[in-house]
């Protein structure tokens, strides 16, 4: 019997000043139970002892050292240029994979696949499991997700370390624009990849997404800064999607598609409430955004109870006094800001709505 040829896989680890996490990340890539895996580590001009750690793996990995710090997109582009796998994973240096991650992804792959997405365990700095991302009660979007992307500019996906891409797809959409996506390069890839094939989803956790004080996506207590960045990032994703769609003859994405996206609208409300002076959309109003968020919530793929609660939340933020609305937004967007009783209530509501 003729053996089925293995699909070569590349795991690219972009690193910047994450020496304290880097060894765990590299080890997890090297310890995969799938044979045909190359591991590429891109150091984006770190100032800590990352280089020493990378040099200790000489002969086991492909090391790419950038002379100047360029950010997420630059590290992704550098790593991809050095890779050869038909399937490409980008693993953040503070995260790690479980030994069966690659084999699980390969088993899910088929000829129509552009992207595979998987859930991840959320862990703390000591690798203690705290939760699952995305939460299990939020169903992944799978198959042809382009209708949803064109309607609201987003579908249910995950973060960098839970994504794997088809090489031919990446060759069509890379290099990633580096100034625009200095952070959030995974958002660019997950937005454009579905134009070239289907999205396959894996419900089991294939690795760990580490939450710590230095995560770019967390921003600590800087609610306004985080919200502004995410709103701007969404506009940049939509522009990239529209440009790519136009280039290959697909429907151009409406500029206001994000007004159908509850995730975008809650960040836009947060930006407006927290610091109107620096808010990136001059003519926004809380009432209009709250109403749009309520409508968008009722269109979600979720239980009726969850949709109704979220719609009511949007309306309340739209009409409450600004200081109270800002507090309510902060409690939802930054779990660490919630009073203890609200954290307990949030967990109860979440389980009830799952």
Protein backbone atom coordinates (compact mmCIF):
# COMPACT_ATOMS: atom_id res chain seq x y z
CA UNK A 1 0.00 0.00 0.00
CA UNK A 2 1.37 3.39 -1.00
CA UNK A 3 1.75 5.80 1.93
CA UNK A 4 -0.01 9.16 1.82
CA UNK A 5 2.59 11.94 1.50
CA UNK A 6 2.79 14.25 4.50
CA UNK A 7 1.97 17.91 4.10
CA UNK A 8 4.97 20.06 5.08
CA UNK A 9 4.16 22.55 7.83
CA UNK A 10 5.95 25.73 8.93
CA UNK A 11 5.58 27.22 12.41
CA UNK A 12 6.73 30.85 12.49
CA UNK A 13 7.40 32.41 15.91
CA UNK A 14 7.67 36.22 15.85
CA UNK A 15 9.44 37.47 18.98
CA UNK A 16 10.12 40.86 20.52
CA UNK A 17 11.42 41.04 24.10
CA UNK A 18 9.60 37.87 25.18
CA UNK A 19 12.68 35.99 26.37
CA UNK A 20 10.87 34.88 29.53
CA UNK A 21 8.28 33.02 27.43
CA UNK A 22 10.27 32.16 24.30
CA UNK A 23 11.75 28.80 25.34
CA UNK A 24 8.30 27.37 26.12
CA UNK A 25 7.03 28.55 22.75
CA UNK A 26 9.95 27.10 20.75
CA UNK A 27 9.88 23.81 22.67
CA UNK A 28 6.17 23.42 21.95
CA UNK A 29 6.80 23.84 18.23
CA UNK A 30 9.67 21.35 18.24
CA UNK A 31 7.72 18.78 20.27
CA UNK A 32 4.90 18.30 17.77
CA UNK A 33 3.92 14.67 17.14
CA UNK A 34 3.86 15.42 13.39
CA UNK A 35 7.12 14.71 11.56
CA UNK A 36 7.30 17.26 8.73
CA UNK A 37 7.51 20.56 10.65
CA UNK A 38 10.02 23.39 10.27
CA UNK A 39 10.29 25.96 13.05
CA UNK A 40 11.27 29.53 12.17
CA UNK A 41 11.96 32.08 14.90
CA UNK A 42 12.03 35.75 13.93
CA UNK A 43 13.62 38.06 16.46
CA UNK A 44 12.43 41.60 15.87
CA UNK A 45 15.50 43.38 17.31
CA UNK A 46 14.83 42.40 20.93
CA UNK A 47 16.65 44.22 23.71
CA UNK A 48 16.48 41.36 26.23
CA UNK A 49 18.30 38.00 26.12
CA UNK A 50 16.10 36.53 23.38
CA UNK A 51 19.11 36.13 21.07
CA UNK A 52 20.90 33.90 23.58
CA UNK A 53 17.86 31.65 23.83
CA UNK A 54 17.48 31.45 20.06
CA UNK A 55 21.17 30.60 19.60
CA UNK A 56 20.79 27.67 22.00
CA UNK A 57 18.53 25.99 19.40
CA UNK A 58 21.10 26.14 16.62
CA UNK A 59 20.52 23.26 14.19
CA UNK A 60 16.93 22.72 15.37
CA UNK A 61 15.31 25.90 14.07
CA UNK A 62 15.68 28.50 11.34
CA UNK A 63 16.64 31.77 13.04
CA UNK A 64 15.88 35.13 11.40
CA UNK A 65 17.26 38.22 13.11
CA UNK A 66 15.87 41.61 12.10
CA UNK A 67 18.30 44.52 12.41
CA UNK A 68 15.55 47.02 13.26
CA UNK A 69 12.29 46.56 15.11
CA UNK A 70 9.45 46.57 12.59
CA UNK A 71 6.48 45.19 14.52
CA UNK A 72 4.07 42.32 13.99
CA UNK A 73 3.64 42.58 10.22
CA UNK A 74 7.37 42.93 9.55
CA UNK A 75 8.15 39.84 11.63
CA UNK A 76 5.39 37.87 9.88
CA UNK A 77 6.72 38.91 6.47
CA UNK A 78 10.30 38.00 7.40
CA UNK A 79 9.29 34.59 8.71
CA UNK A 80 7.07 33.76 5.76
CA UNK A 81 9.85 34.63 3.30
CA UNK A 82 12.09 32.09 5.06
CA UNK A 83 9.45 29.33 5.22
CA UNK A 84 8.56 26.51 2.84
CA UNK A 85 5.56 24.70 4.36
CA UNK A 86 2.29 24.20 2.51
CA UNK A 87 0.53 24.96 5.81
CA UNK A 88 1.80 27.94 7.81
CA UNK A 89 1.16 28.69 11.48
CA UNK A 90 2.14 31.93 13.21
CA UNK A 91 2.74 31.28 16.91
CA UNK A 92 3.14 34.31 19.18
CA UNK A 93 6.27 33.99 21.31
CA UNK A 94 4.32 34.26 24.58
CA UNK A 95 1.95 31.42 23.57
CA UNK A 96 2.53 27.70 23.05
CA UNK A 97 1.05 24.71 21.22
CA UNK A 98 0.07 21.31 22.53
CA UNK A 99 1.95 18.33 20.98
CA UNK A 100 -1.00 17.26 18.78
CA UNK A 101 -1.74 20.74 17.40
CA UNK A 102 -0.21 20.29 13.94
CA UNK A 103 -1.52 16.75 13.41
CA UNK A 104 -5.01 17.91 14.39
CA UNK A 105 -4.83 20.80 11.93
CA UNK A 106 -3.53 18.57 9.11
CA UNK A 107 -6.32 16.05 9.75
CA UNK A 108 -8.85 18.87 9.34
CA UNK A 109 -7.34 20.17 6.09
CA UNK A 110 -8.84 19.61 2.66
CA UNK A 111 -8.30 20.95 -0.86
CA UNK A 112 -10.73 23.87 -0.33
CA UNK A 113 -9.13 25.11 2.88
CA UNK A 114 -7.63 28.59 3.11
CA UNK A 115 -7.54 28.77 6.91
CA UNK A 116 -8.00 26.51 9.92
CA UNK A 117 -8.92 28.10 13.24
CA UNK A 118 -8.86 26.53 16.67
CA UNK A 119 -9.82 27.41 20.21
CA UNK A 120 -7.06 28.08 22.74
CA UNK A 121 -6.85 27.79 26.49
CA UNK A 122 -6.34 31.16 28.16
CA UNK A 123 -3.49 30.76 30.66
CA UNK A 124 -1.71 33.10 33.05
CA UNK A 125 2.03 33.69 33.35
CA UNK A 126 2.39 30.44 35.31
CA UNK A 127 0.53 28.45 32.62
CA UNK A 128 -2.56 27.92 34.77
CA UNK A 129 -5.67 27.49 32.62
CA UNK A 130 -8.20 30.26 33.27
CA UNK A 131 -10.66 30.02 30.38
CA UNK A 132 -11.11 29.22 26.68
CA UNK A 133 -10.78 31.65 23.77
CA UNK A 134 -13.06 32.20 21.98
CA UNK A 135 -15.57 31.20 24.69
CA UNK A 136 -17.27 27.87 23.84
CA UNK A 137 -20.69 29.54 23.79
CA UNK A 138 -19.60 31.66 20.79
CA UNK A 139 -19.81 29.38 17.74
CA UNK A 140 -17.04 29.61 15.17
CA UNK A 141 -18.02 30.67 11.65
CA UNK A 142 -16.94 28.03 9.15
CA UNK A 143 -17.02 27.28 5.43
CA UNK A 144 -17.57 30.25 3.13
CA UNK A 145 -17.47 33.23 5.53
CA UNK A 146 -17.31 35.88 2.80
CA UNK A 147 -21.02 36.81 3.01
CA UNK A 148 -20.56 37.65 6.70
CA UNK A 149 -17.31 39.54 6.03
CA UNK A 150 -18.95 41.62 3.32
CA UNK A 151 -21.97 42.33 5.52
CA UNK A 152 -20.27 43.35 8.76
CA UNK A 153 -16.52 43.11 8.25
CA UNK A 154 -16.00 40.31 10.78
CA UNK A 155 -16.73 36.65 11.44
CA UNK A 156 -16.09 34.58 14.56
CA UNK A 157 -12.41 33.70 14.44
CA UNK A 158 -9.50 33.64 16.89
CA UNK A 159 -6.07 35.13 17.58
CA UNK A 160 -2.67 34.47 15.98
CA UNK A 161 -1.73 31.23 17.73
CA UNK A 162 -5.03 29.56 16.85
CA UNK A 163 -4.71 30.19 13.10
CA UNK A 164 -3.15 28.15 10.29
CA UNK A 165 -3.06 29.24 6.65
CA UNK A 166 -2.68 27.71 3.19
CA UNK A 167 0.60 28.80 1.64
CA UNK A 168 -0.92 29.67 -1.74
CA UNK A 169 -3.44 31.89 0.05
CA UNK A 170 -0.68 33.70 1.93
CA UNK A 171 1.25 34.21 -1.30
CA UNK A 172 -1.83 36.03 -2.65
CA UNK A 173 -2.20 38.42 0.30
CA UNK A 174 1.36 38.90 1.59
CA UNK A 175 3.48 40.82 2.26
CA UNK A 176 1.35 42.42 4.96
CA UNK A 177 1.45 46.25 4.83
CA UNK A 178 3.89 46.99 7.62
CA UNK A 179 3.08 50.55 8.76
CA UNK A 180 -0.66 49.87 8.83
CA UNK A 181 -0.36 46.54 10.66
CA UNK A 182 2.58 47.10 12.95
CA UNK A 183 0.28 45.40 15.46
CA UNK A 184 -2.63 43.13 14.65
CA UNK A 185 -1.15 41.40 11.60
CA UNK A 186 -3.24 38.31 12.41
CA UNK A 187 -6.35 40.42 11.87
CA UNK A 188 -5.16 41.32 8.37
CA UNK A 189 -4.54 37.66 7.47
CA UNK A 190 -7.80 36.33 8.92
CA UNK A 191 -9.73 39.07 7.10
CA UNK A 192 -8.25 38.49 3.65
CA UNK A 193 -7.65 34.71 3.64
CA UNK A 194 -11.36 33.73 3.26
CA UNK A 195 -11.39 35.25 -0.23
CA UNK A 196 -9.28 32.29 -1.36
CA UNK A 197 -11.03 29.31 0.23
CA UNK A 198 -12.98 27.93 3.15
CA UNK A 199 -12.42 28.41 6.86
CA UNK A 200 -12.30 25.15 8.83
CA UNK A 201 -12.86 25.22 12.58
CA UNK A 202 -11.54 22.97 15.35
CA UNK A 203 -13.47 23.03 18.61
CA UNK A 204 -10.78 21.51 20.80
CA UNK A 205 -8.00 23.67 22.24
CA UNK A 206 -4.75 23.12 20.32
CA UNK A 207 -2.62 25.40 22.46
CA UNK A 208 -2.46 28.14 25.06
CA UNK A 209 -3.01 31.90 24.71
CA UNK A 210 -1.07 33.52 27.52
CA UNK A 211 -2.57 36.66 29.09
CA UNK A 212 -0.13 38.89 30.94
CA UNK A 213 0.48 42.56 31.57
CA UNK A 214 2.52 43.13 28.40
CA UNK A 215 0.01 41.76 25.84
CA UNK A 216 -0.66 44.36 23.15
CA UNK A 217 -4.29 43.22 23.00
CA UNK A 218 -4.86 43.83 26.73
CA UNK A 219 -3.58 47.41 27.21
CA UNK A 220 -4.16 47.14 30.96
CA UNK A 221 -6.39 49.98 32.12
CA UNK A 222 -5.88 52.16 29.02
CA UNK A 223 -9.47 51.82 27.83
CA UNK A 224 -9.49 54.79 25.46
CA UNK A 225 -6.14 53.92 23.85
CA UNK A 226 -7.14 50.30 23.32
CA UNK A 227 -10.53 51.23 21.92
CA UNK A 228 -9.09 53.80 19.50
CA UNK A 229 -6.51 51.30 18.28
CA UNK A 230 -9.13 48.61 17.68
CA UNK A 231 -11.48 50.99 15.87
CA UNK A 232 -8.64 52.18 13.63
CA UNK A 233 -7.47 48.60 13.09
CA UNK A 234 -10.98 47.65 11.91
CA UNK A 235 -10.99 50.51 9.40
CA UNK A 236 -7.58 49.39 8.12
CA UNK A 237 -8.77 45.78 7.80
CA UNK A 238 -11.82 46.93 5.83
CA UNK A 239 -9.67 49.02 3.51
CA UNK A 240 -7.34 46.06 2.91
CA UNK A 241 -10.32 43.76 2.29
CA UNK A 242 -11.91 46.23 -0.12
CA UNK A 243 -8.64 46.72 -2.01
CA UNK A 244 -8.01 42.97 -2.29
CA UNK A 245 -11.62 42.23 -3.29
CA UNK A 246 -11.48 44.87 -6.00
CA UNK A 247 -8.17 43.48 -7.25
CA UNK A 248 -9.63 39.99 -7.82
CA UNK A 249 -13.01 41.16 -9.10
CA UNK A 250 -15.19 40.55 -6.02
CA UNK A 251 -17.78 42.83 -4.49
CA UNK A 252 -16.16 45.88 -2.92
CA UNK A 253 -16.78 45.98 0.83
CA UNK A 254 -19.14 48.80 1.92
CA UNK A 255 -17.23 51.35 3.98
CA UNK A 256 -19.86 51.21 6.74
CA UNK A 257 -20.01 47.40 6.99
CA UNK A 258 -18.57 47.65 10.50
CA UNK A 259 -21.79 49.31 11.68
CA UNK A 260 -23.28 45.80 11.59
CA UNK A 261 -20.54 44.44 13.88
CA UNK A 262 -21.23 44.45 17.66
CA UNK A 263 -17.53 43.98 18.48
CA UNK A 264 -16.56 47.07 16.51
CA UNK A 265 -19.44 49.10 17.86
CA UNK A 266 -18.65 48.40 21.52
CA UNK A 267 -15.04 49.50 20.99
CA UNK A 268 -16.26 52.59 19.12
CA UNK A 269 -18.56 53.44 22.03
CA UNK A 270 -15.68 52.94 24.45
CA UNK A 271 -13.47 55.29 22.46
CA UNK A 272 -16.18 57.92 22.25
CA UNK A 273 -17.07 57.74 25.96
CA UNK A 274 -13.53 57.62 27.29
CA UNK A 275 -12.01 60.43 25.21
CA UNK A 276 -14.23 62.18 22.68
CA UNK A 277 -11.44 64.61 21.75
CA UNK A 278 -9.25 61.85 20.26
CA UNK A 279 -12.09 59.64 18.97
CA UNK A 280 -11.36 58.78 15.29
CA UNK A 281 -14.91 59.35 13.97
CA UNK A 282 -15.91 62.99 14.42
CA UNK A 283 -19.68 62.74 13.89
CA UNK A 284 -20.35 59.70 16.12
CA UNK A 285 -22.98 59.91 18.86
CA UNK A 286 -23.54 57.48 21.72
CA UNK A 287 -27.24 57.19 20.99
CA UNK A 288 -26.69 56.31 17.32
CA UNK A 289 -23.92 53.81 18.13
CA UNK A 290 -26.00 52.25 20.91
CA UNK A 291 -28.96 51.82 18.57
CA UNK A 292 -26.75 50.36 15.82
CA UNK A 293 -25.19 47.98 18.38
CA UNK A 294 -28.61 46.80 19.53
CA UNK A 295 -29.66 46.02 15.94
CA UNK A 296 -26.33 44.31 15.20
CA UNK A 297 -26.63 42.21 18.38
CA UNK A 298 -29.98 40.80 17.27
CA UNK A 299 -28.35 39.65 14.00
CA UNK A 300 -25.66 37.62 15.79
CA UNK A 301 -25.26 33.85 15.57
CA UNK A 302 -25.98 33.20 19.24
CA UNK A 303 -28.81 32.24 21.54
CA UNK A 304 -31.82 34.58 21.64
CA UNK A 305 -31.14 35.27 25.32
CA UNK A 306 -27.55 36.31 24.63
CA UNK A 307 -28.59 38.54 21.74
CA UNK A 308 -31.32 40.21 23.80
CA UNK A 309 -29.01 40.88 26.77
CA UNK A 310 -26.33 42.38 24.51
CA UNK A 311 -28.90 44.53 22.69
CA UNK A 312 -30.17 45.89 26.02
CA UNK A 313 -26.57 46.57 27.10
CA UNK A 314 -25.92 48.63 23.95
CA UNK A 315 -29.07 50.68 24.46
CA UNK A 316 -28.18 51.37 28.09
CA UNK A 317 -24.69 52.60 27.15
CA UNK A 318 -26.28 54.82 24.53
CA UNK A 319 -28.53 56.63 27.01
CA UNK A 320 -26.77 56.51 30.41
CA UNK A 321 -24.82 59.56 31.66
CA UNK A 322 -21.32 59.52 30.15
CA UNK A 323 -19.41 58.64 33.35
CA UNK A 324 -21.77 55.79 34.14
CA UNK A 325 -21.68 54.57 30.53
CA UNK A 326 -17.86 54.60 30.59
CA UNK A 327 -17.83 52.50 33.76
CA UNK A 328 -20.26 49.98 32.24
CA UNK A 329 -18.11 49.78 29.10
CA UNK A 330 -14.94 49.29 31.13
CA UNK A 331 -16.54 46.48 33.15
CA UNK A 332 -17.43 44.63 29.94
CA UNK A 333 -14.21 45.21 27.99
CA UNK A 334 -11.70 44.85 30.84
CA UNK A 335 -12.55 42.06 33.28
CA UNK A 336 -9.92 43.26 35.77
CA UNK A 337 -11.85 46.51 36.27
CA UNK A 338 -15.03 44.81 37.48
CA UNK A 339 -16.07 44.82 41.13
CA UNK A 340 -15.96 41.28 42.56
CA UNK A 341 -19.74 40.90 42.70
CA UNK A 342 -19.99 41.82 38.99
CA UNK A 343 -17.34 39.25 38.06
CA UNK A 344 -19.39 36.57 39.81
CA UNK A 345 -22.59 37.80 38.17
CA UNK A 346 -20.90 37.88 34.74
CA UNK A 347 -19.84 34.23 35.08
CA UNK A 348 -23.35 33.24 36.14
CA UNK A 349 -24.92 35.05 33.20
CA UNK A 350 -22.37 33.64 30.77
CA UNK A 351 -23.08 30.04 31.81
CA UNK A 352 -26.82 30.67 31.74
CA UNK A 353 -26.63 32.01 28.19
CA UNK A 354 -24.24 29.37 26.83
